[in-house]
Amino acid sequence: MDHPPSGGGSRDPAAPGDPVDFARWVSSRAPALLRYGYVLTGSPHDAADLVQEALVRLRTSWARVVRKDDPEGYVRTTMARLHVSVWRRTRRETLTATVPDTAHHDPQPPDDALWQALTALPRRQRAVIALRYYEALSDEEIAARLGISRGTVRSQASRALDKLRETYNPRLEGSPR
């Protein structure tokens, strides 16, 4: 009677938890994930950190996530939740009396006025706007990704759009409205 080999044999290269599959997936999706992170954070450095942390979490769950055929959704949800958790932590920050010696300035993206208006939004509002307009998600999907209610999504989007209307006028930038 033939029995399948037990766990001591060599690993099937096409197995769902294969590190080669993970590396291939990451190399093919990294640019899109970085763009998504940039839309969430407004900073290329923070975007890279966000992607890196999400990919570390994906790697530990790779076999389970790849069996469900949605690693991209898992990573993007993780990125959105990590981004929101950062602003939750920063709300509890305490101010210090000392000022840093020198300021650090990141390079500005091409549409300075729009990005300035977006980066001026609170993190939760920016996350909702990014998920709604960059990812084209519904309110229910955004609520599920961020772990908030649908009403909160709608109110945060409304407040964000009101602030953007006040601070950004594309006609001044030379682009049609």
Protein backbone atom coordinates (compact mmCIF):
# COMPACT_ATOMS: atom_id res chain seq x y z
CA MET A 1 0.00 0.00 0.00
CA ASP A 2 1.41 3.39 -1.02
CA HIS A 3 1.37 6.21 1.48
CA PRO A 4 2.06 9.86 0.77
CA PRO A 5 5.43 10.98 2.11
CA SER A 6 5.39 12.41 5.62
CA GLY A 7 6.72 15.84 6.65
CA GLY A 8 10.39 14.87 6.38
CA GLY A 9 10.64 15.06 2.56
CA SER A 10 11.46 17.99 0.35
CA ARG A 11 8.94 20.75 0.04
CA ASP A 12 6.72 21.16 -3.02
CA PRO A 13 7.82 24.42 -4.73
CA ALA A 14 4.20 25.21 -5.65
CA ALA A 15 2.93 24.85 -2.08
CA PRO A 16 0.86 27.83 -0.91
CA GLY A 17 3.34 28.88 1.80
CA ASP A 18 6.33 28.85 -0.55
CA PRO A 19 8.78 31.71 0.16
CA VAL A 20 9.57 31.95 -3.57
CA ASP A 21 5.90 32.66 -4.33
CA PHE A 22 5.89 35.30 -1.59
CA ALA A 23 9.02 36.99 -2.98
CA ARG A 24 7.60 36.92 -6.51
CA TRP A 25 4.29 38.39 -5.32
CA VAL A 26 6.04 41.14 -3.35
CA SER A 27 8.27 42.14 -6.26
CA SER A 28 5.29 42.36 -8.61
CA ARG A 29 3.02 44.31 -6.21
CA ALA A 30 5.51 46.53 -4.34
CA PRO A 31 5.21 49.60 -6.62
CA ALA A 32 1.40 49.63 -6.36
CA LEU A 33 1.57 49.14 -2.59
CA LEU A 34 4.05 52.02 -2.27
CA ARG A 35 1.72 54.28 -4.27
CA TYR A 36 -1.18 53.29 -2.03
CA GLY A 37 0.95 53.96 1.06
CA TYR A 38 1.90 57.36 -0.34
CA VAL A 39 -1.75 58.24 -0.86
CA LEU A 40 -2.50 57.25 2.74
CA THR A 41 0.44 58.99 4.38
CA GLY A 42 1.48 61.79 2.03
CA SER A 43 5.13 60.92 2.63
CA PRO A 44 7.33 58.52 0.64
CA HIS A 45 9.25 57.55 3.78
CA ASP A 46 6.13 56.83 5.83
CA ALA A 47 4.68 54.95 2.85
CA ALA A 48 7.75 52.71 2.68
CA ASP A 49 7.55 52.04 6.42
CA LEU A 50 3.85 51.24 6.13
CA VAL A 51 4.43 48.81 3.24
CA GLN A 52 7.32 47.15 5.03
CA GLU A 53 5.33 46.58 8.22
CA ALA A 54 2.33 45.25 6.27
CA LEU A 55 4.55 42.86 4.29
CA VAL A 56 6.16 41.57 7.48
CA ARG A 57 2.69 40.77 8.78
CA LEU A 58 1.72 39.20 5.45
CA ARG A 59 4.79 36.95 5.48
CA THR A 60 3.84 35.47 8.83
CA SER A 61 0.36 34.68 7.47
CA TRP A 62 1.31 33.97 3.85
CA ALA A 63 0.16 30.32 3.68
CA ARG A 64 -3.28 31.16 5.09
CA VAL A 65 -3.78 34.36 3.06
CA VAL A 66 -2.65 32.91 -0.28
CA ARG A 67 -5.10 30.01 0.13
CA LYS A 68 -7.90 32.58 0.34
CA ASP A 69 -6.65 34.16 -2.94
CA ASP A 70 -6.54 37.73 -1.61
CA PRO A 71 -3.06 38.74 -0.45
CA GLU A 72 -3.49 42.24 -1.92
CA GLY A 73 -6.66 42.87 0.06
CA TYR A 74 -4.96 41.61 3.21
CA VAL A 75 -1.97 43.94 2.74
CA ARG A 76 -4.07 46.99 1.86
CA THR A 77 -6.38 46.40 4.83
CA THR A 78 -3.34 45.98 7.07
CA MET A 79 -1.82 49.19 5.69
CA ALA A 80 -5.02 51.17 6.29
CA ARG A 81 -5.34 49.85 9.84
CA LEU A 82 -1.69 50.51 10.61
CA HIS A 83 -2.06 54.04 9.29
CA VAL A 84 -5.12 54.69 11.45
CA SER A 85 -3.42 53.19 14.50
CA VAL A 86 -0.57 55.70 14.06
CA TRP A 87 -2.91 58.66 14.42
CA ARG A 88 -4.57 56.96 17.38
CA ARG A 89 -1.18 56.71 19.08
CA THR A 90 -0.15 60.25 18.17
CA ARG A 91 -3.28 61.68 19.75
CA ARG A 92 -1.77 60.59 23.05
CA GLU A 93 1.60 62.21 22.40
CA THR A 94 2.87 64.73 24.87
CA LEU A 95 4.48 67.96 23.76
CA THR A 96 8.01 68.81 24.82
CA ALA A 97 9.48 72.18 25.69
CA THR A 98 12.55 71.70 23.48
CA VAL A 99 12.56 72.31 19.75
CA PRO A 100 14.73 70.19 17.40
CA ASP A 101 17.96 71.84 16.23
CA THR A 102 17.21 71.58 12.53
CA ALA A 103 14.09 71.05 10.47
CA HIS A 104 13.70 68.25 7.93
CA HIS A 105 11.82 68.94 4.72
CA ASP A 106 10.63 66.18 2.40
CA PRO A 107 10.55 66.90 -1.35
CA GLN A 108 7.19 68.19 -2.54
CA PRO A 109 5.08 66.14 -4.97
CA PRO A 110 4.18 67.66 -8.38
CA ASP A 111 0.81 69.20 -7.39
CA ASP A 112 1.99 71.02 -4.28
CA ALA A 113 -1.31 72.71 -3.44
CA LEU A 114 -3.34 69.49 -3.63
CA TRP A 115 -0.82 67.47 -1.61
CA GLN A 116 -0.55 70.24 0.98
CA ALA A 117 -4.31 70.25 1.31
CA LEU A 118 -4.37 66.44 1.64
CA THR A 119 -1.55 66.32 4.18
CA ALA A 120 -3.30 68.99 6.24
CA LEU A 121 -6.23 66.60 6.75
CA PRO A 122 -6.30 64.49 9.92
CA ARG A 123 -5.09 60.92 9.35
CA ARG A 124 -8.51 59.30 9.58
CA GLN A 125 -10.03 61.72 7.09
CA ARG A 126 -7.08 61.25 4.71
CA ALA A 127 -7.43 57.45 5.01
CA VAL A 128 -11.16 57.63 4.19
CA ILE A 129 -10.51 59.89 1.18
CA ALA A 130 -7.73 57.63 -0.08
CA LEU A 131 -9.85 54.51 0.23
CA ARG A 132 -12.88 56.15 -1.37
CA TYR A 133 -11.24 57.89 -4.32
CA TYR A 134 -7.96 56.05 -4.86
CA GLU A 135 -9.20 52.54 -4.11
CA ALA A 136 -12.82 53.23 -5.20
CA LEU A 137 -14.24 51.39 -2.18
CA SER A 138 -17.80 51.74 -0.93
CA ASP A 139 -18.56 53.14 2.52
CA GLU A 140 -19.21 49.63 3.82
CA GLU A 141 -15.84 48.39 2.53
CA ILE A 142 -14.03 51.39 4.00
CA ALA A 143 -15.73 50.84 7.35
CA ALA A 144 -14.68 47.19 7.34
CA ARG A 145 -11.08 48.03 6.42
CA LEU A 146 -10.69 50.74 9.05
CA GLY A 147 -12.75 49.04 11.74
CA ILE A 148 -15.16 51.97 12.09
CA SER A 149 -18.88 52.40 11.46
CA ARG A 150 -20.37 53.36 8.10
CA GLY A 151 -21.67 56.60 9.61
CA THR A 152 -18.18 57.51 10.76
CA VAL A 153 -16.89 56.91 7.24
CA ARG A 154 -19.53 59.22 5.80
CA SER A 155 -18.95 61.98 8.37
CA GLN A 156 -15.15 61.80 8.00
CA ALA A 157 -15.45 61.96 4.20
CA SER A 158 -17.82 64.91 4.41
CA ARG A 159 -15.53 66.81 6.78
CA ALA A 160 -12.48 66.03 4.65
CA LEU A 161 -14.17 67.20 1.45
CA ASP A 162 -15.33 70.40 3.17
CA LYS A 163 -11.76 71.13 4.28
CA LEU A 164 -10.40 70.36 0.80
CA ARG A 165 -12.96 72.70 -0.78
CA GLU A 166 -11.86 75.46 1.60
CA THR A 167 -8.13 75.01 1.09
CA TYR A 168 -7.70 73.78 -2.49
CA ASN A 169 -8.84 75.49 -5.67
CA PRO A 170 -7.64 73.71 -8.83
CA ARG A 171 -8.39 76.79 -10.94
CA LEU A 172 -5.53 78.53 -9.20
CA GLU A 173 -3.25 75.66 -10.23
CA GLY A 174 -4.24 76.09 -13.88
CA SER A 175 -6.27 72.88 -14.12
CA PRO A 176 -10.01 72.88 -14.92
CA ARG A 177 -12.41 72.15 -12.13
